[in-house]
Amino acid sequence: MKKTIIITLISIVISACSSSRYSVYKPETSYSYQVIHINDKGDTLNNCSLQMSTLKNSFFGEAALRYDYEKCGNQPAYYEITSYIDNENYIELHPPRMGLLSFTAVLPYPNYHYPEGCVVSINGETYFEKTTFAPAKGKTISYKSEQKGSETLLYNGKEIECYTIKGENTSHIEELGQYRVKYFFNTTLGFVRWEYTLPNNEKIILELQ
């Protein structure tokens, strides 16, 4: 299995935050996502499932996270092990970065800073020594994200409030294209929707089931 070796530098600007909250992602819990690949006309190109599981062991000093892919991107079922952080100040998940989702490496990770109402701006860069996303190999790619505001999302037939985090790559745009992401975070359910926009305006959406 290929590994992604990265070095990341970030700067964070946070407004009006404190650190009182409870954990969302507890060890030995599974979350099922539907992965939908849509073209710029709204036609579905691919539809598969992704299982995200928090593990009780650690991975490079952080809590371990496993993704199980079921025939995503016309490939047989496979999995990867990565990590996540869930502490009193923020949550950050390493995203799935195999097969159809390898491009997610060049974007900000799903992250949410507490408490509710925080405005957070992040600018960072990642050097990719090795990566499953071949176009990024050997490059230092910059990105930015902003946590600001909330939206109502329909989840399992009910309206829920989600805080939104938007991100994009800010370098190598002529070479790689412009990748964008919008995360929807609920303080009880976690990240319920991950909405990626590719350079050709196709979308890949992860929806919590």
Protein backbone atom coordinates (compact mmCIF):
# COMPACT_ATOMS: atom_id res chain seq x y z
CA MET A 1 0.00 0.00 0.00
CA LYS A 2 1.30 3.46 -0.87
CA LYS A 3 1.94 5.90 1.93
CA THR A 4 1.61 9.67 1.99
CA ILE A 5 4.58 11.37 3.63
CA ILE A 6 3.95 15.06 4.22
CA ILE A 7 5.41 18.04 6.02
CA THR A 8 2.85 20.71 6.84
CA LEU A 9 3.30 24.31 7.99
CA ILE A 10 0.23 26.31 9.02
CA SER A 11 -0.75 29.68 10.44
CA ILE A 12 -4.09 30.03 12.21
CA VAL A 13 -6.09 33.17 13.08
CA ILE A 14 -8.91 32.52 15.58
CA SER A 15 -11.51 35.02 16.79
CA ALA A 16 -13.66 34.74 19.93
CA CYS A 17 -12.85 31.15 20.94
CA SER A 18 -12.65 29.22 24.18
CA SER A 19 -12.35 25.50 24.86
CA SER A 20 -15.35 24.02 26.69
CA ARG A 21 -16.92 20.98 24.94
CA TYR A 22 -17.16 17.19 24.76
CA SER A 23 -15.67 14.71 22.29
CA VAL A 24 -17.55 13.89 19.09
CA TYR A 25 -15.37 11.08 17.75
CA LYS A 26 -14.94 8.34 20.33
CA PRO A 27 -12.72 5.26 19.85
CA GLU A 28 -14.14 2.12 18.26
CA THR A 29 -17.02 3.85 16.48
CA SER A 30 -17.97 3.48 12.81
CA TYR A 31 -19.49 6.03 10.44
CA SER A 32 -20.93 5.17 7.03
CA TYR A 33 -20.66 7.62 4.12
CA GLN A 34 -22.13 7.52 0.66
CA VAL A 35 -19.69 8.78 -1.97
CA ILE A 36 -21.28 10.40 -5.03
CA HIS A 37 -19.33 11.56 -8.08
CA ILE A 38 -21.33 14.07 -10.17
CA ASN A 39 -20.38 15.73 -13.47
CA ASP A 40 -20.89 19.41 -14.26
CA LYS A 41 -24.35 18.61 -15.69
CA GLY A 42 -25.53 16.94 -12.50
CA ASP A 43 -25.31 13.36 -13.80
CA THR A 44 -24.06 10.71 -11.38
CA LEU A 45 -20.83 9.13 -12.62
CA ASN A 46 -20.08 6.91 -9.64
CA ASN A 47 -21.77 5.96 -6.40
CA CYS A 48 -20.15 3.86 -3.69
CA SER A 49 -19.79 3.54 0.08
CA LEU A 50 -17.02 4.45 2.50
CA GLN A 51 -16.75 3.27 6.10
CA MET A 52 -14.83 5.47 8.54
CA SER A 53 -13.87 3.84 11.85
CA THR A 54 -12.13 5.31 14.88
CA LEU A 55 -9.74 2.78 16.42
CA LYS A 56 -8.54 2.33 19.99
CA ASN A 57 -4.85 2.26 19.05
CA SER A 58 -2.62 5.14 17.91
CA PHE A 59 -1.06 6.00 14.56
CA PHE A 60 2.14 8.10 14.59
CA GLY A 61 1.20 9.53 17.99
CA GLU A 62 -2.41 10.38 17.13
CA ALA A 63 -5.66 8.44 17.46
CA ALA A 64 -5.98 5.94 14.60
CA LEU A 65 -8.61 6.21 11.88
CA ARG A 66 -9.47 3.59 9.26
CA TYR A 67 -11.24 4.05 5.92
CA ASP A 68 -12.75 1.05 4.15
CA TYR A 69 -13.57 1.62 0.49
CA GLU A 70 -16.13 -0.52 -1.34
CA LYS A 71 -15.38 -0.45 -5.08
CA CYS A 72 -14.85 3.32 -5.26
CA GLY A 73 -13.51 4.48 -8.61
CA ASN A 74 -13.84 1.11 -10.36
CA GLN A 75 -11.33 -0.48 -7.99
CA PRO A 76 -11.73 -3.52 -5.73
CA ALA A 77 -12.44 -3.02 -2.03
CA TYR A 78 -9.44 -1.72 -0.06
CA TYR A 79 -8.61 0.25 3.08
CA GLU A 80 -6.18 2.74 4.57
CA ILE A 81 -5.10 3.64 8.11
CA THR A 82 -4.52 7.26 9.07
CA SER A 83 -5.31 9.42 12.13
CA TYR A 84 -7.49 12.07 13.73
CA ILE A 85 -7.46 14.59 16.57
CA ASP A 86 -10.39 15.30 18.89
CA ASN A 87 -9.41 17.44 21.87
CA GLU A 88 -10.87 20.32 23.90
CA ASN A 89 -9.89 22.90 21.27
CA TYR A 90 -10.57 21.37 17.88
CA ILE A 91 -11.33 18.32 15.75
CA GLU A 92 -9.27 17.35 12.70
CA LEU A 93 -9.69 14.26 10.54
CA HIS A 94 -7.16 13.07 8.02
CA PRO A 95 -9.34 12.62 4.93
CA PRO A 96 -9.54 9.50 2.76
CA ARG A 97 -6.73 9.79 0.19
CA MET A 98 -6.89 6.65 -1.95
CA GLY A 99 -8.25 5.97 -5.42
CA LEU A 100 -11.04 8.34 -6.42
CA LEU A 101 -10.27 10.54 -3.39
CA SER A 102 -6.49 10.85 -3.73
CA PHE A 103 -6.75 14.55 -4.67
CA THR A 104 -8.01 15.45 -1.17
CA ALA A 105 -4.38 15.57 -0.05
CA VAL A 106 -3.92 19.06 -1.58
CA LEU A 107 -6.84 20.56 0.38
CA PRO A 108 -7.26 21.52 4.05
CA TYR A 109 -8.30 18.59 6.23
CA PRO A 110 -11.77 18.50 7.76
CA ASN A 111 -11.25 20.57 10.90
CA TYR A 112 -13.47 22.44 13.31
CA HIS A 113 -12.36 24.78 16.09
CA TYR A 114 -14.39 25.35 19.25
CA PRO A 115 -16.54 26.84 20.62
CA GLU A 116 -19.56 27.35 18.40
CA GLY A 117 -19.32 30.69 16.64
CA CYS A 118 -15.56 30.70 16.19
CA VAL A 119 -14.24 32.44 13.10
CA VAL A 120 -11.05 30.68 12.01
CA SER A 121 -8.75 31.38 9.07
CA ILE A 122 -5.97 28.93 8.22
CA ASN A 123 -3.16 29.31 5.71
CA GLY A 124 -0.79 26.42 5.27
CA GLU A 125 1.46 24.51 2.94
CA THR A 126 2.29 20.83 2.57
CA TYR A 127 5.37 19.22 1.06
CA PHE A 128 4.61 15.84 -0.51
CA GLU A 129 7.60 13.52 -0.51
CA LYS A 130 5.36 10.58 -1.35
CA THR A 131 1.65 10.65 -2.06
CA THR A 132 -1.15 8.64 -3.64
CA PHE A 133 -1.96 11.78 -5.69
CA ALA A 134 0.83 11.57 -8.28
CA PRO A 135 0.58 15.20 -9.59
CA ALA A 136 1.53 16.49 -6.10
CA LYS A 137 4.62 14.34 -5.61
CA GLY A 138 7.74 16.39 -4.81
CA LYS A 139 5.80 19.65 -4.59
CA THR A 140 5.00 22.10 -1.80
CA ILE A 141 1.34 23.05 -2.19
CA SER A 142 -0.29 25.94 -0.35
CA TYR A 143 -3.90 26.05 0.80
CA LYS A 144 -6.31 28.13 2.85
CA SER A 145 -9.51 27.51 4.76
CA GLU A 146 -12.09 29.60 6.59
CA GLN A 147 -14.53 28.51 9.29
CA LYS A 148 -17.33 31.04 9.32
CA GLY A 149 -21.10 30.93 9.63
CA SER A 150 -23.62 28.10 9.55
CA GLU A 151 -26.26 26.58 7.29
CA THR A 152 -29.28 24.33 7.74
CA LEU A 153 -28.83 20.88 6.22
CA LEU A 154 -31.40 18.12 5.71
CA TYR A 155 -30.15 14.94 7.38
CA ASN A 156 -32.26 11.78 7.62
CA GLY A 157 -35.39 13.80 6.99
CA LYS A 158 -34.65 16.40 9.68
CA GLU A 159 -33.14 19.86 9.50
CA ILE A 160 -29.89 20.24 11.44
CA GLU A 161 -27.58 23.21 11.93
CA CYS A 162 -24.10 22.79 10.48
CA TYR A 163 -21.10 25.07 10.69
CA THR A 164 -19.31 25.46 7.37
CA ILE A 165 -15.61 25.34 6.60
CA LYS A 166 -14.48 26.26 3.09
CA GLY A 167 -11.04 25.53 1.64
CA GLU A 168 -9.02 25.52 -1.56
CA ASN A 169 -5.48 25.10 -2.86
CA THR A 170 -3.79 28.46 -3.42
CA SER A 171 -0.72 27.34 -5.38
CA HIS A 172 0.01 25.25 -8.49
CA ILE A 173 -3.38 26.21 -9.88
CA GLU A 174 -2.17 26.39 -13.49
CA GLU A 175 -0.51 23.01 -13.13
CA LEU A 176 -3.00 21.10 -10.94
CA GLY A 177 -6.14 23.15 -11.34
CA GLN A 178 -8.33 24.69 -8.64
CA TYR A 179 -9.66 22.24 -6.05
CA ARG A 180 -12.25 23.40 -3.52
CA VAL A 181 -14.00 21.87 -0.55
CA LYS A 182 -16.88 22.77 1.75
CA TYR A 183 -17.29 20.83 5.00
CA PHE A 184 -20.53 20.77 6.99
CA PHE A 185 -19.96 20.13 10.71
CA ASN A 186 -22.63 19.39 13.31
CA THR A 187 -21.59 19.53 16.96
CA THR A 188 -23.31 16.22 17.73
CA LEU A 189 -22.83 14.21 14.52
CA GLY A 190 -19.47 15.56 13.38
CA PHE A 191 -18.76 16.06 9.68
CA VAL A 192 -22.00 15.15 7.95
CA ARG A 193 -21.19 16.35 4.42
CA TRP A 194 -17.91 16.84 2.54
CA GLU A 195 -18.44 18.60 -0.78
CA TYR A 196 -15.46 18.64 -3.14
CA THR A 197 -15.35 20.58 -6.41
CA LEU A 198 -12.77 19.48 -8.98
CA PRO A 199 -11.02 21.71 -11.56
CA ASN A 200 -13.46 20.52 -14.28
CA ASN A 201 -16.42 21.48 -12.03
CA GLU A 202 -17.30 17.88 -11.27
CA LYS A 203 -18.23 17.24 -7.64
CA ILE A 204 -17.46 14.42 -5.24
CA ILE A 205 -19.73 14.45 -2.19
CA LEU A 206 -19.45 12.41 0.98
CA GLU A 207 -22.69 12.18 2.93
CA LEU A 208 -23.04 10.67 6.40
CA GLN A 209 -25.68 7.95 6.44
